[in-house]
């Protein structure tokens, strides 16, 4: 009789273990699933990916994830060709990839608003003075580019009034602005901490308007989701845990920022952390169609293929909702 009772009891315990927080749903007992995941910019937007890796959250969910930096100019072709399946990129890049036939889904929104600030050297600190001047951008597809189009419109300028200058990564844009190679550019902390100290002028602060945007998010191809839904869920579970750690553990978060971006100044670290916590992050990272719509609207004038995209078909909220259910009660 006792032996008969043991069988259903062990089965129940096994089911409980698979549904418990920290265990990837459907994970194979053979070992962790190996996965390479890239992020498109060396910015604090992607802090949750660094935390998920270094705090061991990916491993808790049965995943062996290599997190690497890969600029969007390389990341988009990698998604389109199928070389990568899960990536960290902005909404504008995601829309551009989808318009090229990548068929991607946004599964986590990391930074849900346009929070850039438009900084200029004092002699160019007006719409009139900016005419004919070089304005730094990363590329002609990313979130910074889409935001630049919106800022120029707000200033009463068009892309014909300035010389938009693609410079690659955000680090290049920041250094070019500091060096005076461009007259103005969008940026955000930690770089703006140095801009302010150097006497540059903040012409437009987009964070104050809180316009919806997927400034950074995590995306997966639809084909990969269909074939590996448990893996995608594990990735999202780990990222949701990391976001909670980012919000609750300043010391750990600032240590990651210092490690990844090489920042040693405590004042700069505090400035950056406070900005993201108080001005940027949303209570929940659930993807929203309105966030993507703003990215599509900003790009559609230059890219007709993007204009026809339906943002509702480009998001999958189920992974974040499942992850939040699995988290311990606060």
C-alpha atoms as a PDB file:
ATOM      1  CA  UNK A   1       0.000   0.000   0.000  1.00  0.00           C
ATOM      2  CA  UNK A   2       2.792   2.387   0.884  1.00  0.00           C
ATOM      3  CA  UNK A   3       4.591   1.598  -2.390  1.00  0.00           C
ATOM      4  CA  UNK A   4       1.434   2.410  -4.365  1.00  0.00           C
ATOM      5  CA  UNK A   5       1.180   5.795  -2.714  1.00  0.00           C
ATOM      6  CA  UNK A   6       4.809   6.623  -3.487  1.00  0.00           C
ATOM      7  CA  UNK A   7       4.326   6.589  -7.262  1.00  0.00           C
ATOM      8  CA  UNK A   8       1.704   9.371  -7.548  1.00  0.00           C
ATOM      9  CA  UNK A   9       3.474  11.285  -4.792  1.00  0.00           C
ATOM     10  CA  UNK A  10       6.783  11.276  -6.716  1.00  0.00           C
ATOM     11  CA  UNK A  11       4.981  12.276  -9.893  1.00  0.00           C
ATOM     12  CA  UNK A  12       3.355  15.194  -8.122  1.00  0.00           C
ATOM     13  CA  UNK A  13       6.681  16.323  -6.708  1.00  0.00           C
ATOM     14  CA  UNK A  14       8.208  16.173 -10.181  1.00  0.00           C
ATOM     15  CA  UNK A  15       5.447  18.360 -11.627  1.00  0.00           C
ATOM     16  CA  UNK A  16       5.833  20.840  -8.796  1.00  0.00           C
ATOM     17  CA  UNK A  17       9.569  21.078  -9.413  1.00  0.00           C
ATOM     18  CA  UNK A  18       9.083  21.832 -13.118  1.00  0.00           C
ATOM     19  CA  UNK A  19       6.586  24.599 -12.390  1.00  0.00           C
ATOM     20  CA  UNK A  20       8.609  26.224  -9.606  1.00  0.00           C
ATOM     21  CA  UNK A  21      10.373  29.556 -10.137  1.00  0.00           C
ATOM     22  CA  UNK A  22      13.929  29.112 -11.360  1.00  0.00           C
ATOM     23  CA  UNK A  23      13.238  25.952 -13.379  1.00  0.00           C
ATOM     24  CA  UNK A  24      12.813  26.315 -17.118  1.00  0.00           C
ATOM     25  CA  UNK A  25       9.483  24.914 -18.275  1.00  0.00           C
ATOM     26  CA  UNK A  26      10.016  21.699 -20.180  1.00  0.00           C
ATOM     27  CA  UNK A  27      13.806  21.793 -19.724  1.00  0.00           C
ATOM     28  CA  UNK A  28      15.585  18.618 -20.657  1.00  0.00           C
ATOM     29  CA  UNK A  29      17.375  16.794 -17.873  1.00  0.00           C
ATOM     30  CA  UNK A  30      20.343  16.125 -20.159  1.00  0.00           C
ATOM     31  CA  UNK A  31      21.865  19.568 -19.574  1.00  0.00           C
ATOM     32  CA  UNK A  32      21.466  23.298 -20.233  1.00  0.00           C
ATOM     33  CA  UNK A  33      20.388  24.577 -23.626  1.00  0.00           C
ATOM     34  CA  UNK A  34      23.150  26.576 -25.283  1.00  0.00           C
ATOM     35  CA  UNK A  35      22.169  29.878 -26.845  1.00  0.00           C
ATOM     36  CA  UNK A  36      23.905  33.006 -28.137  1.00  0.00           C
ATOM     37  CA  UNK A  37      22.032  36.261 -27.600  1.00  0.00           C
ATOM     38  CA  UNK A  38      23.239  39.613 -28.902  1.00  0.00           C
ATOM     39  CA  UNK A  39      22.412  43.187 -27.947  1.00  0.00           C
ATOM     40  CA  UNK A  40      22.735  46.089 -30.363  1.00  0.00           C
ATOM     41  CA  UNK A  41      24.154  48.943 -28.263  1.00  0.00           C
ATOM     42  CA  UNK A  42      26.521  49.245 -25.304  1.00  0.00           C
ATOM     43  CA  UNK A  43      23.983  51.104 -23.178  1.00  0.00           C
ATOM     44  CA  UNK A  44      22.229  50.616 -19.850  1.00  0.00           C
ATOM     45  CA  UNK A  45      19.069  49.701 -21.781  1.00  0.00           C
ATOM     46  CA  UNK A  46      20.498  46.182 -21.886  1.00  0.00           C
ATOM     47  CA  UNK A  47      21.490  46.027 -18.214  1.00  0.00           C
ATOM     48  CA  UNK A  48      18.922  43.246 -17.542  1.00  0.00           C
ATOM     49  CA  UNK A  49      20.760  40.968 -19.989  1.00  0.00           C
ATOM     50  CA  UNK A  50      24.068  41.546 -18.199  1.00  0.00           C
ATOM     51  CA  UNK A  51      22.445  40.929 -14.826  1.00  0.00           C
ATOM     52  CA  UNK A  52      20.647  37.785 -16.020  1.00  0.00           C
ATOM     53  CA  UNK A  53      23.976  36.415 -17.180  1.00  0.00           C
ATOM     54  CA  UNK A  54      26.209  37.424 -14.274  1.00  0.00           C
ATOM     55  CA  UNK A  55      23.672  36.724 -11.512  1.00  0.00           C
ATOM     56  CA  UNK A  56      23.109  33.218 -12.867  1.00  0.00           C
ATOM     57  CA  UNK A  57      19.438  33.654 -13.762  1.00  0.00           C
ATOM     58  CA  UNK A  58      19.826  32.109 -17.218  1.00  0.00           C
ATOM     59  CA  UNK A  59      21.467  29.065 -15.626  1.00  0.00           C
ATOM     60  CA  UNK A  60      18.622  28.809 -13.111  1.00  0.00           C
ATOM     61  CA  UNK A  61      16.300  28.300 -16.063  1.00  0.00           C
ATOM     62  CA  UNK A  62      18.342  25.578 -17.707  1.00  0.00           C
ATOM     63  CA  UNK A  63      20.092  27.849 -20.197  1.00  0.00           C
ATOM     64  CA  UNK A  64      23.731  28.385 -21.087  1.00  0.00           C
ATOM     65  CA  UNK A  65      23.502  31.830 -22.718  1.00  0.00           C
ATOM     66  CA  UNK A  66      26.400  33.687 -24.285  1.00  0.00           C
ATOM     67  CA  UNK A  67      25.511  37.382 -24.239  1.00  0.00           C
ATOM     68  CA  UNK A  68      27.458  39.423 -26.776  1.00  0.00           C
ATOM     69  CA  UNK A  69      27.483  42.856 -28.354  1.00  0.00           C
ATOM     70  CA  UNK A  70      26.527  42.943 -32.028  1.00  0.00           C
ATOM     71  CA  UNK A  71      25.674  46.279 -33.719  1.00  0.00           C
ATOM     72  CA  UNK A  72      22.232  46.462 -35.307  1.00  0.00           C
ATOM     73  CA  UNK A  73      23.795  46.820 -38.760  1.00  0.00           C
ATOM     74  CA  UNK A  74      25.047  43.260 -38.303  1.00  0.00           C
ATOM     75  CA  UNK A  75      22.241  42.022 -36.072  1.00  0.00           C
ATOM     76  CA  UNK A  76      19.416  42.676 -38.523  1.00  0.00           C
ATOM     77  CA  UNK A  77      21.020  40.634 -41.340  1.00  0.00           C
ATOM     78  CA  UNK A  78      21.740  37.913 -38.773  1.00  0.00           C
ATOM     79  CA  UNK A  79      18.041  37.737 -37.850  1.00  0.00           C
ATOM     80  CA  UNK A  80      16.869  37.869 -41.460  1.00  0.00           C
ATOM     81  CA  UNK A  81      19.257  35.076 -42.477  1.00  0.00           C
ATOM     82  CA  UNK A  82      18.417  32.945 -39.438  1.00  0.00           C
ATOM     83  CA  UNK A  83      21.914  33.107 -37.922  1.00  0.00           C
ATOM     84  CA  UNK A  84      20.351  34.489 -34.711  1.00  0.00           C
ATOM     85  CA  UNK A  85      16.956  33.772 -33.209  1.00  0.00           C
ATOM     86  CA  UNK A  86      16.807  35.871 -30.013  1.00  0.00           C
ATOM     87  CA  UNK A  87      18.248  39.382 -29.963  1.00  0.00           C
ATOM     88  CA  UNK A  88      18.193  42.616 -28.007  1.00  0.00           C
ATOM     89  CA  UNK A  89      17.406  45.517 -30.351  1.00  0.00           C
ATOM     90  CA  UNK A  90      15.175  48.578 -30.471  1.00  0.00           C
ATOM     91  CA  UNK A  91      11.708  48.825 -31.973  1.00  0.00           C
ATOM     92  CA  UNK A  92      12.908  50.674 -35.053  1.00  0.00           C
ATOM     93  CA  UNK A  93      15.439  47.931 -35.778  1.00  0.00           C
ATOM     94  CA  UNK A  94      12.804  45.285 -35.100  1.00  0.00           C
ATOM     95  CA  UNK A  95      10.406  46.961 -37.524  1.00  0.00           C
ATOM     96  CA  UNK A  96      13.140  47.220 -40.139  1.00  0.00           C
ATOM     97  CA  UNK A  97      13.955  43.534 -39.735  1.00  0.00           C
ATOM     98  CA  UNK A  98      10.303  42.535 -39.961  1.00  0.00           C
ATOM     99  CA  UNK A  99       9.865  44.650 -43.088  1.00  0.00           C
ATOM    100  CA  UNK A 100      12.677  42.610 -44.634  1.00  0.00           C
ATOM    101  CA  UNK A 101      10.798  39.394 -43.938  1.00  0.00           C
ATOM    102  CA  UNK A 102      12.396  38.321 -40.646  1.00  0.00           C
ATOM    103  CA  UNK A 103       8.980  37.715 -38.990  1.00  0.00           C
ATOM    104  CA  UNK A 104      10.064  38.645 -35.463  1.00  0.00           C
ATOM    105  CA  UNK A 105       8.079  39.026 -32.258  1.00  0.00           C
ATOM    106  CA  UNK A 106       8.780  41.418 -29.385  1.00  0.00           C
ATOM    107  CA  UNK A 107       8.695  39.333 -26.204  1.00  0.00           C
ATOM    108  CA  UNK A 108      10.038  41.855 -23.629  1.00  0.00           C
ATOM    109  CA  UNK A 109      10.136  45.652 -23.643  1.00  0.00           C
ATOM    110  CA  UNK A 110      13.198  46.754 -21.696  1.00  0.00           C
ATOM    111  CA  UNK A 111      12.896  50.535 -22.102  1.00  0.00           C
ATOM    112  CA  UNK A 112       9.358  51.626 -23.061  1.00  0.00           C
ATOM    113  CA  UNK A 113       9.732  55.325 -23.937  1.00  0.00           C
ATOM    114  CA  UNK A 114      11.833  57.695 -26.009  1.00  0.00           C
ATOM    115  CA  UNK A 115      14.129  58.997 -23.284  1.00  0.00           C
ATOM    116  CA  UNK A 116      16.844  60.637 -25.368  1.00  0.00           C
ATOM    117  CA  UNK A 117      18.017  64.198 -24.833  1.00  0.00           C
ATOM    118  CA  UNK A 118      19.122  66.317 -27.791  1.00  0.00           C
ATOM    119  CA  UNK A 119      22.441  67.928 -26.923  1.00  0.00           C
ATOM    120  CA  UNK A 120      24.274  70.579 -28.927  1.00  0.00           C
ATOM    121  CA  UNK A 121      27.379  72.706 -28.631  1.00  0.00           C
ATOM    122  CA  UNK A 122      26.434  76.220 -27.410  1.00  0.00           C
ATOM    123  CA  UNK A 123      27.013  77.882 -30.790  1.00  0.00           C
ATOM    124  CA  UNK A 124      24.466  75.492 -32.353  1.00  0.00           C
ATOM    125  CA  UNK A 125      21.890  75.582 -29.561  1.00  0.00           C
ATOM    126  CA  UNK A 126      18.947  76.724 -31.706  1.00  0.00           C
ATOM    127  CA  UNK A 127      17.051  75.432 -34.702  1.00  0.00           C
ATOM    128  CA  UNK A 128      18.411  78.196 -36.913  1.00  0.00           C
ATOM    129  CA  UNK A 129      22.018  77.602 -35.925  1.00  0.00           C
ATOM    130  CA  UNK A 130      21.707  73.867 -36.618  1.00  0.00           C
ATOM    131  CA  UNK A 131      20.864  74.337 -40.289  1.00  0.00           C
ATOM    132  CA  UNK A 132      23.572  72.902 -42.474  1.00  0.00           C
ATOM    133  CA  UNK A 133      25.344  71.285 -39.511  1.00  0.00           C
ATOM    134  CA  UNK A 134      26.223  67.639 -38.884  1.00  0.00           C
ATOM    135  CA  UNK A 135      23.922  65.742 -36.522  1.00  0.00           C
ATOM    136  CA  UNK A 136      25.229  62.404 -35.280  1.00  0.00           C
ATOM    137  CA  UNK A 137      23.148  59.212 -35.534  1.00  0.00           C
ATOM    138  CA  UNK A 138      24.034  55.544 -35.157  1.00  0.00           C
ATOM    139  CA  UNK A 139      22.414  54.331 -38.377  1.00  0.00           C
ATOM    140  CA  UNK A 140      19.324  54.956 -40.481  1.00  0.00           C
ATOM    141  CA  UNK A 141      17.286  52.167 -38.872  1.00  0.00           C
ATOM    142  CA  UNK A 142      17.651  52.304 -35.094  1.00  0.00           C
ATOM    143  CA  UNK A 143      15.769  53.918 -32.216  1.00  0.00           C
ATOM    144  CA  UNK A 144      18.186  56.830 -32.039  1.00  0.00           C
ATOM    145  CA  UNK A 145      17.542  57.581 -35.709  1.00  0.00           C
ATOM    146  CA  UNK A 146      13.759  57.384 -35.264  1.00  0.00           C
ATOM    147  CA  UNK A 147      13.978  59.686 -32.248  1.00  0.00           C
ATOM    148  CA  UNK A 148      16.185  62.121 -34.180  1.00  0.00           C
ATOM    149  CA  UNK A 149      13.479  62.440 -36.832  1.00  0.00           C
ATOM    150  CA  UNK A 150      10.941  63.281 -34.134  1.00  0.00           C
ATOM    151  CA  UNK A 151      13.221  65.860 -32.491  1.00  0.00           C
ATOM    152  CA  UNK A 152      14.000  67.591 -35.783  1.00  0.00           C
ATOM    153  CA  UNK A 153      10.277  67.838 -36.475  1.00  0.00           C
ATOM    154  CA  UNK A 154       9.716  69.306 -33.010  1.00  0.00           C
ATOM    155  CA  UNK A 155      12.371  71.940 -33.753  1.00  0.00           C
ATOM    156  CA  UNK A 156      10.739  72.784 -37.083  1.00  0.00           C
ATOM    157  CA  UNK A 157      13.555  71.190 -39.068  1.00  0.00           C
ATOM    158  CA  UNK A 158      13.656  68.471 -41.722  1.00  0.00           C
ATOM    159  CA  UNK A 159      16.345  65.972 -42.613  1.00  0.00           C
ATOM    160  CA  UNK A 160      17.250  68.264 -45.521  1.00  0.00           C
ATOM    161  CA  UNK A 161      18.092  71.091 -43.101  1.00  0.00           C
ATOM    162  CA  UNK A 162      20.906  69.149 -41.404  1.00  0.00           C
ATOM    163  CA  UNK A 163      23.524  66.593 -42.376  1.00  0.00           C
ATOM    164  CA  UNK A 164      22.591  63.328 -40.677  1.00  0.00           C
ATOM    165  CA  UNK A 165      25.857  61.474 -40.077  1.00  0.00           C
ATOM    166  CA  UNK A 166      25.780  57.722 -39.318  1.00  0.00           C
ATOM    167  CA  UNK A 167      28.584  56.881 -36.886  1.00  0.00           C
ATOM    168  CA  UNK A 168      27.883  53.286 -35.880  1.00  0.00           C
ATOM    169  CA  UNK A 169      27.482  52.635 -32.159  1.00  0.00           C
ATOM    170  CA  UNK A 170      26.238  55.009 -29.481  1.00  0.00           C
ATOM    171  CA  UNK A 171      29.774  55.254 -28.093  1.00  0.00           C
ATOM    172  CA  UNK A 172      30.935  56.717 -31.419  1.00  0.00           C
ATOM    173  CA  UNK A 173      28.093  59.225 -31.447  1.00  0.00           C
ATOM    174  CA  UNK A 174      28.897  60.367 -27.914  1.00  0.00           C
ATOM    175  CA  UNK A 175      32.614  60.710 -28.524  1.00  0.00           C
ATOM    176  CA  UNK A 176      32.038  62.595 -31.790  1.00  0.00           C
ATOM    177  CA  UNK A 177      29.764  65.074 -30.039  1.00  0.00           C
ATOM    178  CA  UNK A 178      32.249  65.620 -27.229  1.00  0.00           C
ATOM    179  CA  UNK A 179      35.043  66.127 -29.770  1.00  0.00           C
ATOM    180  CA  UNK A 180      32.998  68.607 -31.798  1.00  0.00           C
ATOM    181  CA  UNK A 181      32.941  66.420 -34.923  1.00  0.00           C
ATOM    182  CA  UNK A 182      29.167  66.833 -34.980  1.00  0.00           C
ATOM    183  CA  UNK A 183      27.177  69.854 -33.861  1.00  0.00           C
ATOM    184  CA  UNK A 184      24.452  67.936 -32.060  1.00  0.00           C
ATOM    185  CA  UNK A 185      23.173  64.437 -31.286  1.00  0.00           C
ATOM    186  CA  UNK A 186      20.741  62.516 -29.143  1.00  0.00           C
ATOM    187  CA  UNK A 187      22.010  60.656 -26.110  1.00  0.00           C
ATOM    188  CA  UNK A 188      21.181  59.708 -22.523  1.00  0.00           C
ATOM    189  CA  UNK A 189      23.015  58.820 -19.301  1.00  0.00           C
ATOM    190  CA  UNK A 190      25.748  58.053 -18.596  1.00  0.00           C
ATOM    191  CA  UNK A 191      27.107  60.149 -21.493  1.00  0.00           C
ATOM    192  CA  UNK A 192      24.949  63.158 -20.672  1.00  0.00           C
ATOM    193  CA  UNK A 193      26.622  63.429 -17.269  1.00  0.00           C
ATOM    194  CA  UNK A 194      29.799  64.435 -19.107  1.00  0.00           C
ATOM    195  CA  UNK A 195      27.965  66.573 -21.668  1.00  0.00           C
ATOM    196  CA  UNK A 196      26.507  68.728 -18.924  1.00  0.00           C
ATOM    197  CA  UNK A 197      29.887  69.152 -17.252  1.00  0.00           C
ATOM    198  CA  UNK A 198      31.437  70.088 -20.613  1.00  0.00           C
ATOM    199  CA  UNK A 199      28.944  72.910 -21.135  1.00  0.00           C
ATOM    200  CA  UNK A 200      26.831  71.377 -23.881  1.00  0.00           C
ATOM    201  CA  UNK A 201      23.179  72.442 -24.098  1.00  0.00           C
ATOM    202  CA  UNK A 202      20.167  70.134 -23.767  1.00  0.00           C
ATOM    203  CA  UNK A 203      17.772  71.432 -26.445  1.00  0.00           C
ATOM    204  CA  UNK A 204      15.043  68.787 -26.197  1.00  0.00           C
ATOM    205  CA  UNK A 205      14.419  66.352 -23.339  1.00  0.00           C
ATOM    206  CA  UNK A 206      12.261  63.572 -24.757  1.00  0.00           C
ATOM    207  CA  UNK A 207      12.021  61.748 -21.415  1.00  0.00           C
ATOM    208  CA  UNK A 208       9.719  64.455 -20.082  1.00  0.00           C
ATOM    209  CA  UNK A 209       7.095  63.756 -22.745  1.00  0.00           C
ATOM    210  CA  UNK A 210       7.178  59.980 -22.083  1.00  0.00           C
ATOM    211  CA  UNK A 211       6.324  59.120 -25.691  1.00  0.00           C
ATOM    212  CA  UNK A 212       5.816  55.351 -26.018  1.00  0.00           C
ATOM    213  CA  UNK A 213       8.632  53.536 -27.788  1.00  0.00           C
ATOM    214  CA  UNK A 214      10.536  50.284 -27.776  1.00  0.00           C
ATOM    215  CA  UNK A 215      13.858  51.942 -27.241  1.00  0.00           C
ATOM    216  CA  UNK A 216      15.214  48.502 -26.427  1.00  0.00           C
ATOM    217  CA  UNK A 217      13.541  45.122 -26.347  1.00  0.00           C
ATOM    218  CA  UNK A 218      14.081  41.395 -26.684  1.00  0.00           C
ATOM    219  CA  UNK A 219      12.910  39.753 -29.897  1.00  0.00           C
ATOM    220  CA  UNK A 220      12.598  36.205 -31.173  1.00  0.00           C
ATOM    221  CA  UNK A 221      11.794  34.906 -34.624  1.00  0.00           C
ATOM    222  CA  UNK A 222       8.365  33.359 -34.953  1.00  0.00           C
ATOM    223  CA  UNK A 223       9.876  30.137 -36.251  1.00  0.00           C
ATOM    224  CA  UNK A 224      12.121  29.835 -33.192  1.00  0.00           C
ATOM    225  CA  UNK A 225       9.212  30.532 -30.837  1.00  0.00           C
ATOM    226  CA  UNK A 226       7.193  27.749 -32.459  1.00  0.00           C
ATOM    227  CA  UNK A 227      10.053  25.274 -32.231  1.00  0.00           C
ATOM    228  CA  UNK A 228      11.516  26.287 -28.847  1.00  0.00           C
ATOM    229  CA  UNK A 229       8.816  27.975 -26.815  1.00  0.00           C
ATOM    230  CA  UNK A 230      10.241  26.619 -23.550  1.00  0.00           C
ATOM    231  CA  UNK A 231      13.656  28.155 -24.303  1.00  0.00           C
ATOM    232  CA  UNK A 232      12.142  31.566 -25.075  1.00  0.00           C
ATOM    233  CA  UNK A 233      10.133  31.342 -21.861  1.00  0.00           C
ATOM    234  CA  UNK A 234      13.287  30.580 -19.908  1.00  0.00           C
ATOM    235  CA  UNK A 235      15.040  33.597 -21.418  1.00  0.00           C
ATOM    236  CA  UNK A 236      12.138  35.868 -20.533  1.00  0.00           C
ATOM    237  CA  UNK A 237      11.850  34.398 -17.014  1.00  0.00           C
ATOM    238  CA  UNK A 238      15.506  35.219 -16.392  1.00  0.00           C
ATOM    239  CA  UNK A 239      15.192  38.751 -17.793  1.00  0.00           C
ATOM    240  CA  UNK A 240      12.143  39.508 -15.650  1.00  0.00           C
ATOM    241  CA  UNK A 241      14.105  38.367 -12.593  1.00  0.00           C
ATOM    242  CA  UNK A 242      16.993  40.580 -13.678  1.00  0.00           C
ATOM    243  CA  UNK A 243      14.736  43.614 -14.062  1.00  0.00           C
ATOM    244  CA  UNK A 244      13.512  43.112 -10.504  1.00  0.00           C
ATOM    245  CA  UNK A 245      17.132  42.856  -9.330  1.00  0.00           C
ATOM    246  CA  UNK A 246      17.993  46.046 -11.235  1.00  0.00           C
ATOM    247  CA  UNK A 247      15.219  47.936  -9.457  1.00  0.00           C
ATOM    248  CA  UNK A 248      15.885  46.555  -5.984  1.00  0.00           C
ATOM    249  CA  UNK A 249      19.673  46.263  -5.776  1.00  0.00           C
ATOM    250  CA  UNK A 250      21.443  49.518  -6.602  1.00  0.00           C
ATOM    251  CA  UNK A 251      24.882  48.224  -5.630  1.00  0.00           C
ATOM    252  CA  UNK A 252      24.675  45.167  -7.872  1.00  0.00           C
ATOM    253  CA  UNK A 253      23.216  47.153 -10.786  1.00  0.00           C
ATOM    254  CA  UNK A 254      25.857  49.885 -10.542  1.00  0.00           C
ATOM    255  CA  UNK A 255      28.597  47.273 -10.354  1.00  0.00           C
ATOM    256  CA  UNK A 256      27.318  45.778 -13.625  1.00  0.00           C
ATOM    257  CA  UNK A 257      27.203  49.214 -15.278  1.00  0.00           C
ATOM    258  CA  UNK A 258      30.758  49.858 -14.125  1.00  0.00           C
ATOM    259  CA  UNK A 259      31.914  46.466 -15.372  1.00  0.00           C
ATOM    260  CA  UNK A 260      30.255  46.672 -18.782  1.00  0.00           C
ATOM    261  CA  UNK A 261      30.786  50.362 -19.569  1.00  0.00           C
ATOM    262  CA  UNK A 262      34.012  51.028 -17.687  1.00  0.00           C
ATOM    263  CA  UNK A 263      32.552  53.795 -15.506  1.00  0.00           C
ATOM    264  CA  UNK A 264      34.376  54.346 -12.215  1.00  0.00           C
ATOM    265  CA  UNK A 265      33.002  57.717 -11.093  1.00  0.00           C
ATOM    266  CA  UNK A 266      30.419  57.045  -8.334  1.00  0.00           C
ATOM    267  CA  UNK A 267      28.611  60.283  -9.141  1.00  0.00           C
ATOM    268  CA  UNK A 268      28.213  59.214 -12.763  1.00  0.00           C
ATOM    269  CA  UNK A 269      27.007  55.764 -11.734  1.00  0.00           C
ATOM    270  CA  UNK A 270      24.427  57.229  -9.337  1.00  0.00           C
ATOM    271  CA  UNK A 271      23.302  59.736 -11.990  1.00  0.00           C
ATOM    272  CA  UNK A 272      22.813  56.940 -14.527  1.00  0.00           C
ATOM    273  CA  UNK A 273      21.084  54.515 -12.165  1.00  0.00           C
ATOM    274  CA  UNK A 274      18.672  57.153 -10.846  1.00  0.00           C
ATOM    275  CA  UNK A 275      17.767  58.233 -14.377  1.00  0.00           C
ATOM    276  CA  UNK A 276      16.811  54.750 -15.501  1.00  0.00           C
ATOM    277  CA  UNK A 277      14.965  53.838 -12.315  1.00  0.00           C
ATOM    278  CA  UNK A 278      13.064  57.127 -11.950  1.00  0.00           C
ATOM    279  CA  UNK A 279      12.600  58.255 -15.550  1.00  0.00           C
ATOM    280  CA  UNK A 280      12.659  55.221 -17.826  1.00  0.00           C
ATOM    281  CA  UNK A 281      11.657  51.795 -16.531  1.00  0.00           C
ATOM    282  CA  UNK A 282       8.003  50.778 -16.493  1.00  0.00           C
ATOM    283  CA  UNK A 283       6.396  48.799 -13.643  1.00  0.00           C
ATOM    284  CA  UNK A 284       5.986  45.830 -16.003  1.00  0.00           C
ATOM    285  CA  UNK A 285       7.971  44.962 -19.189  1.00  0.00           C
ATOM    286  CA  UNK A 286       4.933  43.696 -21.127  1.00  0.00           C
ATOM    287  CA  UNK A 287       5.230  44.600 -24.847  1.00  0.00           C
ATOM    288  CA  UNK A 288       2.573  47.027 -26.082  1.00  0.00           C
ATOM    289  CA  UNK A 289       1.448  47.730 -29.638  1.00  0.00           C
ATOM    290  CA  UNK A 290       1.485  51.489 -29.041  1.00  0.00           C
ATOM    291  CA  UNK A 291       5.186  51.337 -28.202  1.00  0.00           C
ATOM    292  CA  UNK A 292       5.974  49.795 -31.579  1.00  0.00           C
ATOM    293  CA  UNK A 293       3.543  52.021 -33.439  1.00  0.00           C
ATOM    294  CA  UNK A 294       5.571  55.110 -32.573  1.00  0.00           C
ATOM    295  CA  UNK A 295       8.710  53.465 -34.005  1.00  0.00           C
ATOM    296  CA  UNK A 296       6.843  52.520 -37.176  1.00  0.00           C
ATOM    297  CA  UNK A 297       5.420  56.036 -37.555  1.00  0.00           C
ATOM    298  CA  UNK A 298       8.859  57.613 -37.167  1.00  0.00           C
ATOM    299  CA  UNK A 299      10.397  55.385 -39.850  1.00  0.00           C
ATOM    300  CA  UNK A 300       7.528  55.144 -42.330  1.00  0.00           C
ATOM    301  CA  UNK A 301       8.319  58.371 -44.175  1.00  0.00           C
ATOM    302  CA  UNK A 302      11.736  57.030 -45.164  1.00  0.00           C
ATOM    303  CA  UNK A 303      10.822  53.346 -45.430  1.00  0.00           C
ATOM    304  CA  UNK A 304       7.484  52.547 -47.149  1.00  0.00           C
ATOM    305  CA  UNK A 305       7.804  48.850 -46.271  1.00  0.00           C
ATOM    306  CA  UNK A 306       7.684  49.699 -42.577  1.00  0.00           C
ATOM    307  CA  UNK A 307       4.523  51.782 -42.975  1.00  0.00           C
ATOM    308  CA  UNK A 308       2.355  48.730 -43.637  1.00  0.00           C
ATOM    309  CA  UNK A 309       3.382  46.801 -40.525  1.00  0.00           C
ATOM    310  CA  UNK A 310       0.768  45.978 -37.892  1.00  0.00           C
ATOM    311  CA  UNK A 311       2.375  46.358 -34.433  1.00  0.00           C
ATOM    312  CA  UNK A 312      -0.242  44.099 -32.853  1.00  0.00           C
ATOM    313  CA  UNK A 313       1.084  41.220 -34.959  1.00  0.00           C
ATOM    314  CA  UNK A 314       4.655  41.909 -33.843  1.00  0.00           C
ATOM    315  CA  UNK A 315       4.238  41.416 -30.091  1.00  0.00           C
ATOM    316  CA  UNK A 316       3.764  38.393 -27.854  1.00  0.00           C
ATOM    317  CA  UNK A 317       2.772  39.308 -24.306  1.00  0.00           C
ATOM    318  CA  UNK A 318       2.380  35.754 -23.070  1.00  0.00           C
ATOM    319  CA  UNK A 319       6.004  35.195 -22.084  1.00  0.00           C
ATOM    320  CA  UNK A 320       6.214  38.162 -19.706  1.00  0.00           C
ATOM    321  CA  UNK A 321       2.806  37.360 -18.228  1.00  0.00           C
ATOM    322  CA  UNK A 322       3.880  33.772 -17.590  1.00  0.00           C
ATOM    323  CA  UNK A 323       7.170  34.946 -16.082  1.00  0.00           C
ATOM    324  CA  UNK A 324       5.430  37.337 -13.709  1.00  0.00           C
ATOM    325  CA  UNK A 325       3.095  34.593 -12.518  1.00  0.00           C
ATOM    326  CA  UNK A 326       6.120  32.442 -11.715  1.00  0.00           C
ATOM    327  CA  UNK A 327       7.878  35.105  -9.650  1.00  0.00           C
ATOM    328  CA  UNK A 328       7.721  34.865  -5.843  1.00  0.00           C
ATOM    329  CA  UNK A 329       5.121  37.113  -4.217  1.00  0.00           C
ATOM    330  CA  UNK A 330       6.485  40.577  -3.401  1.00  0.00           C
END
